Amino acid sequence: MEYWLNIAQKKRNVARIRVGFVYNPVEIIGSAKYLPRMRMSMFRLQLDRADWFAGETISGICFLNVGKPYKSARGVRIFFEGIQHVYWSEQHGSGKNRHTVTYQKFVSIFMAVTTLHGYDATLKKGLKANNVKTRDVVQISPGYYAWPFKFTLPCNIPPTMVFNRSSTYYRVRAKLDLKGKKSKWINSPINIFIEY
């Protein structure tokens, strides 16, 4: 958050100073009874940086500020995804019957899931990492939470690139998985570079 503060006011000259505010909860507060009653929740993902090389370890922190308790949460999970997207257009027919058809395809390069809080659904029998569903629920009490995470990128992945009709991109996604409610997602794109 940024705010400009006037420090001197004359008729025509105004001196201003820029003040920056950063909110970074970094620890869990033990007792919720001493916290002010907050109605809004904050869910945020902070990476150490946005640019990485293939084979490096991505690290960051997932923040959650809970005002009203989540009584039936499945957990908080981090997804590491690499996606290739290709699209093209073709024209068919002639004269009045001429029309354009657009084709596109999304291909997953890789996906990894890490459970930060709650039950690890990927360890349950018969579940794959891409299909994270579970019936087990946990309660997330009011408070400030910070979960650090790390993930090592594969060494053989292609770099981030954008061409005219295709792209390769990567992202880190955090999911607050809620049972019976719409789950909350946050995305943070990352750039992958390779060394030759």
N, C-alpha and C. Protein backbone atom coordinates (compact mmCIF):
# COMPACT_ATOMS: atom_id res chain seq x y z
N MET A 1 0.85 -1.16 0.00
CA MET A 1 0.00 0.00 0.00
C MET A 1 0.90 1.23 0.00
N GLU A 2 0.49 2.23 -0.74
CA GLU A 2 1.29 3.43 -0.86
C GLU A 2 0.42 4.63 -0.52
N TYR A 3 1.01 5.61 0.16
CA TYR A 3 0.26 6.80 0.55
C TYR A 3 1.18 8.00 0.47
N TRP A 4 0.67 9.11 -0.11
CA TRP A 4 1.44 10.35 -0.17
C TRP A 4 0.99 11.25 0.96
N LEU A 5 1.93 11.70 1.75
CA LEU A 5 1.65 12.49 2.93
C LEU A 5 2.19 13.91 2.73
N ASN A 6 1.34 14.92 2.92
CA ASN A 6 1.78 16.31 2.83
C ASN A 6 2.52 16.68 4.12
N ILE A 7 3.75 17.20 3.97
CA ILE A 7 4.49 17.56 5.17
C ILE A 7 4.64 19.06 5.34
N ALA A 8 4.39 19.83 4.30
CA ALA A 8 4.43 21.29 4.42
C ALA A 8 3.41 21.86 3.46
N GLN A 9 2.61 22.77 3.96
CA GLN A 9 1.59 23.35 3.12
C GLN A 9 1.71 24.87 3.11
N LYS A 10 2.04 25.40 1.97
CA LYS A 10 2.02 26.83 1.74
C LYS A 10 1.01 27.06 0.63
N LYS A 11 0.83 28.28 0.25
CA LYS A 11 -0.18 28.55 -0.75
C LYS A 11 0.08 27.81 -2.06
N ARG A 12 1.32 27.80 -2.51
CA ARG A 12 1.60 27.17 -3.79
C ARG A 12 2.54 25.97 -3.67
N ASN A 13 3.35 25.93 -2.67
CA ASN A 13 4.33 24.86 -2.54
C ASN A 13 3.84 23.83 -1.52
N VAL A 14 3.81 22.61 -1.96
CA VAL A 14 3.44 21.52 -1.06
C VAL A 14 4.54 20.47 -1.14
N ALA A 15 5.17 20.21 -0.03
CA ALA A 15 6.16 19.15 0.02
C ALA A 15 5.44 17.85 0.38
N ARG A 16 5.77 16.80 -0.34
CA ARG A 16 5.11 15.53 -0.10
C ARG A 16 6.14 14.44 0.11
N ILE A 17 5.80 13.49 0.90
CA ILE A 17 6.67 12.34 1.13
C ILE A 17 5.84 11.09 0.90
N ARG A 18 6.45 10.10 0.27
CA ARG A 18 5.76 8.85 0.00
C ARG A 18 6.01 7.88 1.15
N VAL A 19 4.95 7.34 1.69
CA VAL A 19 5.03 6.39 2.80
C VAL A 19 4.50 5.06 2.30
N GLY A 20 5.26 4.02 2.47
CA GLY A 20 4.82 2.69 2.05
C GLY A 20 4.46 1.84 3.26
N PHE A 21 3.38 1.11 3.15
CA PHE A 21 2.93 0.21 4.20
C PHE A 21 2.99 -1.20 3.67
N VAL A 22 3.60 -2.09 4.42
CA VAL A 22 3.66 -3.50 4.05
C VAL A 22 3.10 -4.31 5.20
N TYR A 23 2.18 -5.20 4.87
CA TYR A 23 1.58 -6.06 5.89
C TYR A 23 2.09 -7.48 5.67
N ASN A 24 2.89 -7.98 6.58
CA ASN A 24 3.44 -9.32 6.46
C ASN A 24 3.24 -10.09 7.77
N PRO A 25 2.15 -10.84 7.90
CA PRO A 25 2.04 -11.67 9.11
C PRO A 25 3.01 -12.84 9.00
N VAL A 26 3.83 -13.04 10.00
CA VAL A 26 4.84 -14.09 9.93
C VAL A 26 4.76 -15.10 11.06
N GLU A 27 3.76 -15.01 11.89
CA GLU A 27 3.65 -16.00 12.94
C GLU A 27 2.19 -16.22 13.29
N ILE A 28 1.93 -17.34 13.91
CA ILE A 28 0.59 -17.66 14.34
C ILE A 28 0.39 -17.07 15.73
N ILE A 29 -0.69 -16.35 15.92
CA ILE A 29 -0.99 -15.79 17.24
C ILE A 29 -1.77 -16.83 18.00
N GLY A 30 -1.33 -17.15 19.20
CA GLY A 30 -1.86 -18.27 19.93
C GLY A 30 -3.33 -18.22 20.30
N SER A 31 -3.79 -17.17 20.90
CA SER A 31 -5.15 -17.16 21.42
C SER A 31 -6.02 -16.20 20.61
N ALA A 32 -7.12 -16.71 20.11
CA ALA A 32 -8.02 -15.89 19.28
C ALA A 32 -8.86 -14.93 20.12
N LYS A 33 -8.96 -15.15 21.43
CA LYS A 33 -9.82 -14.27 22.22
C LYS A 33 -9.22 -12.88 22.39
N TYR A 34 -7.90 -12.73 22.17
CA TYR A 34 -7.27 -11.42 22.27
C TYR A 34 -7.22 -10.68 20.93
N LEU A 35 -7.68 -11.33 19.87
CA LEU A 35 -7.68 -10.71 18.56
C LEU A 35 -8.92 -9.87 18.36
N PRO A 36 -8.83 -8.78 17.63
CA PRO A 36 -10.04 -8.05 17.28
C PRO A 36 -10.89 -8.89 16.35
N ARG A 37 -12.19 -8.72 16.41
CA ARG A 37 -13.10 -9.48 15.56
C ARG A 37 -13.01 -8.98 14.13
N MET A 38 -12.44 -9.81 13.27
CA MET A 38 -12.29 -9.45 11.86
C MET A 38 -13.30 -10.26 11.07
N ARG A 39 -13.95 -9.63 10.15
CA ARG A 39 -14.92 -10.34 9.33
C ARG A 39 -14.31 -10.81 8.01
N MET A 40 -13.32 -10.10 7.51
CA MET A 40 -12.73 -10.47 6.23
C MET A 40 -11.51 -11.35 6.43
N SER A 41 -11.33 -12.27 5.50
CA SER A 41 -10.14 -13.11 5.51
C SER A 41 -9.20 -12.64 4.41
N MET A 42 -7.92 -12.82 4.66
CA MET A 42 -6.91 -12.45 3.68
C MET A 42 -6.14 -13.72 3.34
N PHE A 43 -5.98 -13.97 2.06
CA PHE A 43 -5.26 -15.15 1.58
C PHE A 43 -4.26 -14.65 0.56
N ARG A 44 -2.96 -14.86 0.83
CA ARG A 44 -1.93 -14.25 0.00
C ARG A 44 -0.75 -15.20 -0.18
N LEU A 45 -0.12 -15.10 -1.33
CA LEU A 45 1.03 -15.92 -1.66
C LEU A 45 2.21 -14.99 -1.95
N GLN A 46 3.34 -15.22 -1.28
CA GLN A 46 4.52 -14.38 -1.47
C GLN A 46 5.71 -15.27 -1.81
N LEU A 47 6.23 -15.09 -3.02
CA LEU A 47 7.42 -15.84 -3.44
C LEU A 47 8.66 -15.01 -3.16
N ASP A 48 9.79 -15.69 -2.97
CA ASP A 48 11.04 -14.97 -2.71
C ASP A 48 11.44 -14.12 -3.91
N ARG A 49 11.14 -14.59 -5.10
CA ARG A 49 11.35 -13.81 -6.33
C ARG A 49 10.48 -14.39 -7.44
N ALA A 50 10.43 -13.73 -8.58
CA ALA A 50 9.56 -14.17 -9.67
C ALA A 50 10.32 -14.91 -10.76
N ASP A 51 11.64 -14.79 -10.82
CA ASP A 51 12.44 -15.40 -11.88
C ASP A 51 13.31 -16.51 -11.30
N TRP A 52 13.26 -17.69 -11.96
CA TRP A 52 13.97 -18.86 -11.47
C TRP A 52 14.62 -19.58 -12.63
N PHE A 53 15.65 -20.37 -12.33
CA PHE A 53 16.28 -21.23 -13.33
C PHE A 53 15.81 -22.65 -13.12
N ALA A 54 15.76 -23.41 -14.21
CA ALA A 54 15.38 -24.83 -14.12
C ALA A 54 16.33 -25.53 -13.16
N GLY A 55 15.80 -26.35 -12.27
CA GLY A 55 16.60 -27.06 -11.26
C GLY A 55 16.72 -26.33 -9.94
N GLU A 56 16.33 -25.06 -9.88
CA GLU A 56 16.40 -24.30 -8.63
C GLU A 56 15.24 -24.68 -7.71
N THR A 57 15.37 -24.28 -6.46
CA THR A 57 14.32 -24.51 -5.47
C THR A 57 13.52 -23.23 -5.27
N ILE A 58 12.23 -23.30 -5.62
CA ILE A 58 11.31 -22.18 -5.43
C ILE A 58 10.93 -22.15 -3.96
N SER A 59 10.95 -20.96 -3.36
CA SER A 59 10.56 -20.86 -1.96
C SER A 59 9.67 -19.63 -1.78
N GLY A 60 8.82 -19.72 -0.79
CA GLY A 60 7.91 -18.61 -0.50
C GLY A 60 7.11 -18.89 0.75
N ILE A 61 6.12 -18.05 0.99
CA ILE A 61 5.27 -18.16 2.16
C ILE A 61 3.82 -17.95 1.73
N CYS A 62 2.93 -18.76 2.25
CA CYS A 62 1.51 -18.60 2.04
C CYS A 62 0.91 -18.03 3.33
N PHE A 63 0.23 -16.88 3.21
CA PHE A 63 -0.35 -16.20 4.36
C PHE A 63 -1.86 -16.36 4.37
N LEU A 64 -2.40 -16.57 5.55
CA LEU A 64 -3.85 -16.63 5.72
C LEU A 64 -4.21 -15.88 6.99
N ASN A 65 -5.12 -14.92 6.85
CA ASN A 65 -5.64 -14.18 7.98
C ASN A 65 -7.11 -14.56 8.11
N VAL A 66 -7.46 -15.24 9.16
CA VAL A 66 -8.82 -15.75 9.34
C VAL A 66 -9.54 -14.90 10.38
N GLY A 67 -10.67 -14.29 9.98
CA GLY A 67 -11.48 -13.51 10.91
C GLY A 67 -12.60 -14.36 11.49
N LYS A 68 -13.32 -15.05 10.63
CA LYS A 68 -14.40 -15.94 11.04
C LYS A 68 -13.91 -17.37 10.80
N PRO A 69 -14.03 -18.27 11.76
CA PRO A 69 -13.43 -19.60 11.61
C PRO A 69 -14.02 -20.38 10.42
N TYR A 70 -13.15 -21.12 9.77
CA TYR A 70 -13.57 -22.07 8.74
C TYR A 70 -13.76 -23.41 9.44
N LYS A 71 -15.00 -23.82 9.63
CA LYS A 71 -15.26 -25.04 10.40
C LYS A 71 -15.12 -26.31 9.57
N SER A 72 -15.22 -26.20 8.26
CA SER A 72 -15.11 -27.40 7.43
C SER A 72 -14.17 -27.15 6.25
N ALA A 73 -12.92 -26.92 6.57
CA ALA A 73 -11.90 -26.73 5.53
C ALA A 73 -11.22 -28.06 5.27
N ARG A 74 -10.93 -28.31 4.03
CA ARG A 74 -10.20 -29.53 3.68
C ARG A 74 -8.69 -29.32 3.82
N GLY A 75 -8.26 -28.07 3.73
CA GLY A 75 -6.84 -27.79 3.89
C GLY A 75 -6.38 -26.63 3.03
N VAL A 76 -5.09 -26.33 3.14
CA VAL A 76 -4.44 -25.32 2.33
C VAL A 76 -3.36 -26.03 1.54
N ARG A 77 -3.42 -25.87 0.22
CA ARG A 77 -2.50 -26.59 -0.66
C ARG A 77 -1.82 -25.64 -1.63
N ILE A 78 -0.60 -26.02 -2.03
CA ILE A 78 0.16 -25.28 -3.03
C ILE A 78 0.31 -26.18 -4.26
N PHE A 79 0.02 -25.63 -5.43
CA PHE A 79 0.15 -26.33 -6.69
C PHE A 79 1.26 -25.65 -7.50
N PHE A 80 2.18 -26.44 -8.03
CA PHE A 80 3.22 -25.96 -8.92
C PHE A 80 2.88 -26.49 -10.31
N GLU A 81 2.65 -25.59 -11.27
CA GLU A 81 2.16 -26.01 -12.58
C GLU A 81 3.00 -25.42 -13.70
N GLY A 82 3.21 -26.22 -14.73
CA GLY A 82 3.80 -25.77 -15.98
C GLY A 82 2.84 -26.12 -17.10
N ILE A 83 2.52 -25.15 -17.95
CA ILE A 83 1.48 -25.34 -18.97
C ILE A 83 1.97 -24.83 -20.31
N GLN A 84 1.68 -25.59 -21.36
CA GLN A 84 1.91 -25.13 -22.72
C GLN A 84 0.56 -24.90 -23.38
N HIS A 85 0.43 -23.78 -24.05
CA HIS A 85 -0.83 -23.41 -24.70
C HIS A 85 -0.54 -23.13 -26.17
N VAL A 86 -1.28 -23.79 -27.06
CA VAL A 86 -1.14 -23.61 -28.49
C VAL A 86 -2.51 -23.30 -29.06
N TYR A 87 -2.58 -22.34 -30.00
CA TYR A 87 -3.84 -22.07 -30.68
C TYR A 87 -3.58 -21.61 -32.10
N TRP A 88 -4.53 -21.86 -32.96
CA TRP A 88 -4.46 -21.43 -34.35
C TRP A 88 -5.86 -21.34 -34.92
N SER A 89 -5.98 -20.62 -36.02
CA SER A 89 -7.27 -20.44 -36.69
C SER A 89 -7.18 -20.94 -38.12
N GLU A 90 -8.26 -21.54 -38.61
CA GLU A 90 -8.35 -22.00 -39.99
C GLU A 90 -9.65 -21.49 -40.59
N GLN A 91 -9.60 -21.13 -41.86
CA GLN A 91 -10.80 -20.69 -42.56
C GLN A 91 -11.32 -21.83 -43.42
N HIS A 92 -12.62 -22.06 -43.36
CA HIS A 92 -13.26 -23.13 -44.10
C HIS A 92 -14.39 -22.56 -44.95
N GLY A 93 -14.70 -23.26 -46.04
CA GLY A 93 -15.80 -22.85 -46.91
C GLY A 93 -15.38 -21.74 -47.85
N SER A 94 -16.36 -21.28 -48.63
CA SER A 94 -16.10 -20.19 -49.56
C SER A 94 -17.36 -19.34 -49.71
N GLY A 95 -17.18 -18.12 -50.14
CA GLY A 95 -18.31 -17.21 -50.34
C GLY A 95 -19.04 -16.92 -49.05
N LYS A 96 -20.38 -17.06 -49.08
CA LYS A 96 -21.20 -16.79 -47.89
C LYS A 96 -21.02 -17.85 -46.81
N ASN A 97 -20.52 -19.01 -47.19
CA ASN A 97 -20.33 -20.10 -46.22
C ASN A 97 -18.94 -20.10 -45.59
N ARG A 98 -18.16 -19.06 -45.86
CA ARG A 98 -16.81 -18.97 -45.31
C ARG A 98 -16.89 -18.63 -43.83
N HIS A 99 -16.17 -19.38 -43.02
CA HIS A 99 -16.14 -19.15 -41.57
C HIS A 99 -14.77 -19.54 -41.01
N THR A 100 -14.47 -18.99 -39.85
CA THR A 100 -13.19 -19.24 -39.20
C THR A 100 -13.40 -20.14 -37.99
N VAL A 101 -12.57 -21.14 -37.89
CA VAL A 101 -12.61 -22.05 -36.75
C VAL A 101 -11.29 -21.90 -36.00
N THR A 102 -11.37 -21.66 -34.70
CA THR A 102 -10.18 -21.51 -33.87
C THR A 102 -9.99 -22.77 -33.02
N TYR A 103 -8.78 -23.29 -33.00
CA TYR A 103 -8.43 -24.47 -32.24
C TYR A 103 -7.44 -24.06 -31.15
N GLN A 104 -7.53 -24.71 -30.01
CA GLN A 104 -6.54 -24.47 -28.96
C GLN A 104 -6.37 -25.72 -28.11
N LYS A 105 -5.22 -25.83 -27.50
CA LYS A 105 -4.92 -26.99 -26.66
C LYS A 105 -4.03 -26.55 -25.51
N PHE A 106 -4.38 -26.98 -24.30
CA PHE A 106 -3.56 -26.77 -23.10
C PHE A 106 -2.95 -28.11 -22.72
N VAL A 107 -1.64 -28.13 -22.54
CA VAL A 107 -0.94 -29.36 -22.16
C VAL A 107 -0.17 -29.09 -20.87
N SER A 108 -0.32 -29.98 -19.91
CA SER A 108 0.40 -29.84 -18.64
C SER A 108 1.82 -30.39 -18.80
N ILE A 109 2.81 -29.55 -18.52
CA ILE A 109 4.21 -29.98 -18.56
C ILE A 109 4.52 -30.77 -17.28
N PHE A 110 4.12 -30.22 -16.16
CA PHE A 110 4.25 -30.91 -14.88
C PHE A 110 3.29 -30.29 -13.88
N MET A 111 2.97 -31.04 -12.85
CA MET A 111 2.16 -30.52 -11.75
C MET A 111 2.59 -31.24 -10.47
N ALA A 112 2.79 -30.47 -9.43
CA ALA A 112 3.11 -31.03 -8.12
C ALA A 112 2.23 -30.34 -7.08
N VAL A 113 1.83 -31.09 -6.06
CA VAL A 113 0.94 -30.56 -5.02
C VAL A 113 1.59 -30.77 -3.67
N THR A 114 1.54 -29.75 -2.84
CA THR A 114 2.02 -29.84 -1.46
C THR A 114 0.93 -29.36 -0.52
N THR A 115 0.65 -30.14 0.51
CA THR A 115 -0.35 -29.74 1.50
C THR A 115 0.36 -28.99 2.63
N LEU A 116 -0.06 -27.75 2.86
CA LEU A 116 0.53 -26.92 3.91
C LEU A 116 -0.19 -27.09 5.24
N HIS A 117 -1.51 -27.29 5.18
CA HIS A 117 -2.31 -27.42 6.39
C HIS A 117 -3.49 -28.33 6.08
N GLY A 118 -3.80 -29.20 7.01
CA GLY A 118 -4.91 -30.13 6.80
C GLY A 118 -4.41 -31.51 6.45
N TYR A 119 -5.33 -32.33 5.97
CA TYR A 119 -5.00 -33.70 5.61
C TYR A 119 -4.37 -33.74 4.23
N ASP A 120 -3.32 -34.54 4.10
CA ASP A 120 -2.65 -34.68 2.81
C ASP A 120 -3.44 -35.65 1.96
N ALA A 121 -4.24 -35.10 1.06
CA ALA A 121 -5.11 -35.92 0.24
C ALA A 121 -4.33 -36.79 -0.74
N THR A 122 -3.11 -36.41 -1.09
CA THR A 122 -2.34 -37.19 -2.05
C THR A 122 -1.85 -38.51 -1.45
N LEU A 123 -1.86 -38.63 -0.12
CA LEU A 123 -1.42 -39.88 0.50
C LEU A 123 -2.56 -40.88 0.66
N LYS A 124 -3.80 -40.44 0.45
CA LYS A 124 -4.93 -41.35 0.58
C LYS A 124 -4.91 -42.36 -0.55
N LYS A 125 -5.37 -43.56 -0.25
CA LYS A 125 -5.33 -44.64 -1.21
C LYS A 125 -6.16 -44.31 -2.45
N GLY A 126 -5.56 -44.51 -3.62
CA GLY A 126 -6.28 -44.35 -4.87
C GLY A 126 -6.37 -42.93 -5.40
N LEU A 127 -5.78 -41.96 -4.73
CA LEU A 127 -5.85 -40.58 -5.22
C LEU A 127 -4.55 -40.21 -5.91
N LYS A 128 -4.67 -39.46 -6.99
CA LYS A 128 -3.50 -38.96 -7.71
C LYS A 128 -3.23 -37.53 -7.26
N ALA A 129 -2.02 -37.06 -7.50
CA ALA A 129 -1.67 -35.69 -7.10
C ALA A 129 -2.51 -34.66 -7.84
N ASN A 130 -2.92 -34.95 -9.06
CA ASN A 130 -3.71 -34.00 -9.84
C ASN A 130 -5.17 -33.96 -9.41
N ASN A 131 -5.64 -34.96 -8.69
CA ASN A 131 -7.04 -35.05 -8.32
C ASN A 131 -7.13 -35.02 -6.79
N VAL A 132 -7.01 -33.83 -6.23
CA VAL A 132 -6.95 -33.70 -4.77
C VAL A 132 -8.36 -33.52 -4.23
N LYS A 133 -8.93 -34.59 -3.73
CA LYS A 133 -10.25 -34.55 -3.12
C LYS A 133 -10.22 -35.42 -1.88
N THR A 134 -10.83 -34.97 -0.84
CA THR A 134 -10.88 -35.75 0.39
C THR A 134 -12.12 -35.38 1.17
N ARG A 135 -12.58 -36.29 2.00
CA ARG A 135 -13.75 -36.02 2.84
C ARG A 135 -13.35 -35.57 4.24
N ASP A 136 -12.07 -35.68 4.56
CA ASP A 136 -11.60 -35.26 5.88
C ASP A 136 -11.55 -33.74 5.95
N VAL A 137 -12.02 -33.18 7.06
CA VAL A 137 -12.03 -31.73 7.21
C VAL A 137 -11.32 -31.34 8.50
N VAL A 138 -10.83 -30.11 8.51
CA VAL A 138 -10.20 -29.54 9.69
C VAL A 138 -10.82 -28.17 9.92
N GLN A 139 -10.70 -27.67 11.14
CA GLN A 139 -11.16 -26.31 11.44
C GLN A 139 -9.96 -25.38 11.45
N ILE A 140 -10.13 -24.23 10.83
CA ILE A 140 -9.10 -23.20 10.86
C ILE A 140 -9.64 -22.08 11.73
N SER A 141 -9.05 -21.91 12.89
CA SER A 141 -9.51 -20.93 13.87
C SER A 141 -9.07 -19.52 13.48
N PRO A 142 -9.73 -18.49 14.03
CA PRO A 142 -9.30 -17.12 13.75
C PRO A 142 -7.86 -16.90 14.17
N GLY A 143 -7.14 -16.15 13.35
CA GLY A 143 -5.74 -15.87 13.63
C GLY A 143 -4.98 -15.58 12.36
N TYR A 144 -3.68 -15.36 12.51
CA TYR A 144 -2.78 -15.09 11.40
C TYR A 144 -1.90 -16.31 11.21
N TYR A 145 -1.84 -16.83 9.98
CA TYR A 145 -1.07 -18.02 9.70
C TYR A 145 -0.07 -17.73 8.59
N ALA A 146 1.10 -18.34 8.69
CA ALA A 146 2.12 -18.24 7.66
C ALA A 146 2.76 -19.61 7.49
N TRP A 147 2.68 -20.16 6.28
CA TRP A 147 3.24 -21.47 5.99
C TRP A 147 4.34 -21.33 4.94
N PRO A 148 5.60 -21.54 5.33
CA PRO A 148 6.67 -21.51 4.32
C PRO A 148 6.63 -22.79 3.48
N PHE A 149 7.06 -22.69 2.23
CA PHE A 149 7.08 -23.86 1.36
C PHE A 149 8.28 -23.78 0.43
N LYS A 150 8.67 -24.95 -0.10
CA LYS A 150 9.78 -25.07 -1.04
C LYS A 150 9.42 -26.13 -2.07
N PHE A 151 9.92 -25.95 -3.28
CA PHE A 151 9.71 -26.92 -4.34
C PHE A 151 10.88 -26.83 -5.30
N THR A 152 11.47 -27.97 -5.63
CA THR A 152 12.59 -27.99 -6.57
C THR A 152 12.07 -28.24 -7.98
N LEU A 153 12.39 -27.32 -8.86
CA LEU A 153 11.95 -27.43 -10.26
C LEU A 153 12.71 -28.55 -10.96
N PRO A 154 12.06 -29.25 -11.88
CA PRO A 154 12.79 -30.24 -12.69
C PRO A 154 13.87 -29.56 -13.53
N CYS A 155 14.94 -30.28 -13.82
CA CYS A 155 16.05 -29.70 -14.60
C CYS A 155 15.77 -29.66 -16.09
N ASN A 156 14.84 -30.49 -16.56
CA ASN A 156 14.65 -30.64 -18.00
C ASN A 156 13.38 -29.96 -18.52
N ILE A 157 12.92 -28.90 -17.86
CA ILE A 157 11.71 -28.22 -18.32
C ILE A 157 12.07 -27.10 -19.29
N PRO A 158 11.18 -26.80 -20.23
CA PRO A 158 11.45 -25.69 -21.16
C PRO A 158 11.30 -24.35 -20.46
N PRO A 159 11.94 -23.31 -20.98
CA PRO A 159 11.83 -21.98 -20.35
C PRO A 159 10.47 -21.35 -20.62
N THR A 160 10.17 -20.30 -19.89
CA THR A 160 8.97 -19.50 -20.15
C THR A 160 9.16 -18.80 -21.49
N MET A 161 8.17 -18.94 -22.37
CA MET A 161 8.26 -18.27 -23.66
C MET A 161 6.87 -17.97 -24.18
N VAL A 162 6.81 -16.90 -24.96
CA VAL A 162 5.56 -16.49 -25.59
C VAL A 162 5.85 -16.22 -27.05
N PHE A 163 5.17 -16.95 -27.92
CA PHE A 163 5.28 -16.74 -29.35
C PHE A 163 3.95 -16.24 -29.89
N ASN A 164 3.87 -16.11 -31.20
CA ASN A 164 2.66 -15.59 -31.81
C ASN A 164 1.43 -16.44 -31.50
N ARG A 165 1.55 -17.76 -31.58
CA ARG A 165 0.38 -18.62 -31.38
C ARG A 165 0.61 -19.72 -30.34
N SER A 166 1.64 -19.57 -29.56
CA SER A 166 1.88 -20.56 -28.51
C SER A 166 2.62 -19.92 -27.35
N SER A 167 2.50 -20.53 -26.20
CA SER A 167 3.19 -20.02 -25.02
C SER A 167 3.47 -21.17 -24.05
N THR A 168 4.51 -21.00 -23.28
CA THR A 168 4.84 -21.91 -22.19
C THR A 168 4.95 -21.04 -20.95
N TYR A 169 4.14 -21.36 -19.95
CA TYR A 169 4.15 -20.53 -18.74
C TYR A 169 4.05 -21.41 -17.50
N TYR A 170 4.46 -20.83 -16.39
CA TYR A 170 4.49 -21.53 -15.11
C TYR A 170 3.81 -20.67 -14.07
N ARG A 171 3.25 -21.31 -13.07
CA ARG A 171 2.60 -20.57 -11.99
C ARG A 171 2.60 -21.40 -10.72
N VAL A 172 2.56 -20.68 -9.62
CA VAL A 172 2.37 -21.28 -8.30
C VAL A 172 0.98 -20.86 -7.87
N ARG A 173 0.15 -21.82 -7.50
CA ARG A 173 -1.22 -21.53 -7.09
C ARG A 173 -1.44 -22.04 -5.67
N ALA A 174 -2.12 -21.26 -4.86
CA ALA A 174 -2.49 -21.68 -3.51
C ALA A 174 -4.00 -21.84 -3.47
N LYS A 175 -4.46 -22.87 -2.79
CA LYS A 175 -5.89 -23.16 -2.70
C LYS A 175 -6.29 -23.32 -1.25
N LEU A 176 -7.27 -22.52 -0.83
CA LEU A 176 -7.93 -22.72 0.46
C LEU A 176 -9.14 -23.58 0.15
N ASP A 177 -9.02 -24.87 0.41
CA ASP A 177 -10.02 -25.86 0.01
C ASP A 177 -11.12 -25.92 1.07
N LEU A 178 -12.30 -25.44 0.72
CA LEU A 178 -13.42 -25.38 1.64
C LEU A 178 -14.50 -26.36 1.24
N LYS A 179 -15.02 -27.11 2.19
CA LYS A 179 -16.08 -28.06 1.92
C LYS A 179 -17.42 -27.33 1.93
N GLY A 180 -18.21 -27.53 0.89
CA GLY A 180 -19.53 -26.93 0.82
C GLY A 180 -19.55 -25.47 0.42
N LYS A 181 -18.39 -24.85 0.24
CA LYS A 181 -18.29 -23.46 -0.19
C LYS A 181 -17.36 -23.40 -1.38
N LYS A 182 -17.34 -22.26 -2.04
CA LYS A 182 -16.42 -22.09 -3.15
C LYS A 182 -15.02 -21.92 -2.60
N SER A 183 -14.11 -22.76 -3.05
CA SER A 183 -12.72 -22.68 -2.60
C SER A 183 -12.08 -21.40 -3.11
N LYS A 184 -11.08 -20.92 -2.37
CA LYS A 184 -10.38 -19.68 -2.73
C LYS A 184 -9.05 -20.04 -3.36
N TRP A 185 -8.77 -19.42 -4.51
CA TRP A 185 -7.52 -19.63 -5.24
C TRP A 185 -6.77 -18.32 -5.35
N ILE A 186 -5.44 -18.41 -5.28
CA ILE A 186 -4.58 -17.27 -5.61
C ILE A 186 -3.47 -17.78 -6.52
N ASN A 187 -3.09 -16.96 -7.49
CA ASN A 187 -2.08 -17.34 -8.47
C ASN A 187 -0.90 -16.40 -8.41
N SER A 188 0.26 -16.96 -8.66
CA SER A 188 1.47 -16.15 -8.78
C SER A 188 2.29 -16.70 -9.96
N PRO A 189 2.33 -15.96 -11.08
CA PRO A 189 3.12 -16.45 -12.21
C PRO A 189 4.61 -16.38 -11.91
N ILE A 190 5.36 -17.31 -12.49
CA ILE A 190 6.80 -17.31 -12.34
C ILE A 190 7.43 -17.48 -13.72
N ASN A 191 8.63 -16.97 -13.88
CA ASN A 191 9.38 -17.09 -15.13
C ASN A 191 10.51 -18.11 -14.92
N ILE A 192 10.63 -19.03 -15.87
CA ILE A 192 11.67 -20.05 -15.81
C ILE A 192 12.69 -19.76 -16.91
N PHE A 193 13.96 -19.75 -16.56
CA PHE A 193 15.04 -19.56 -17.52
C PHE A 193 15.90 -20.82 -17.51
N ILE A 194 16.59 -21.07 -18.61
CA ILE A 194 17.50 -22.20 -18.65
C ILE A 194 18.89 -21.69 -19.02
N GLU A 195 19.91 -22.40 -18.57
CA GLU A 195 21.30 -22.05 -18.89
C GLU A 195 21.78 -22.95 -19.99
N TYR A 196 22.48 -22.34 -20.96
CA TYR A 196 23.03 -23.12 -22.09
C TYR A 196 24.50 -23.33 -21.89
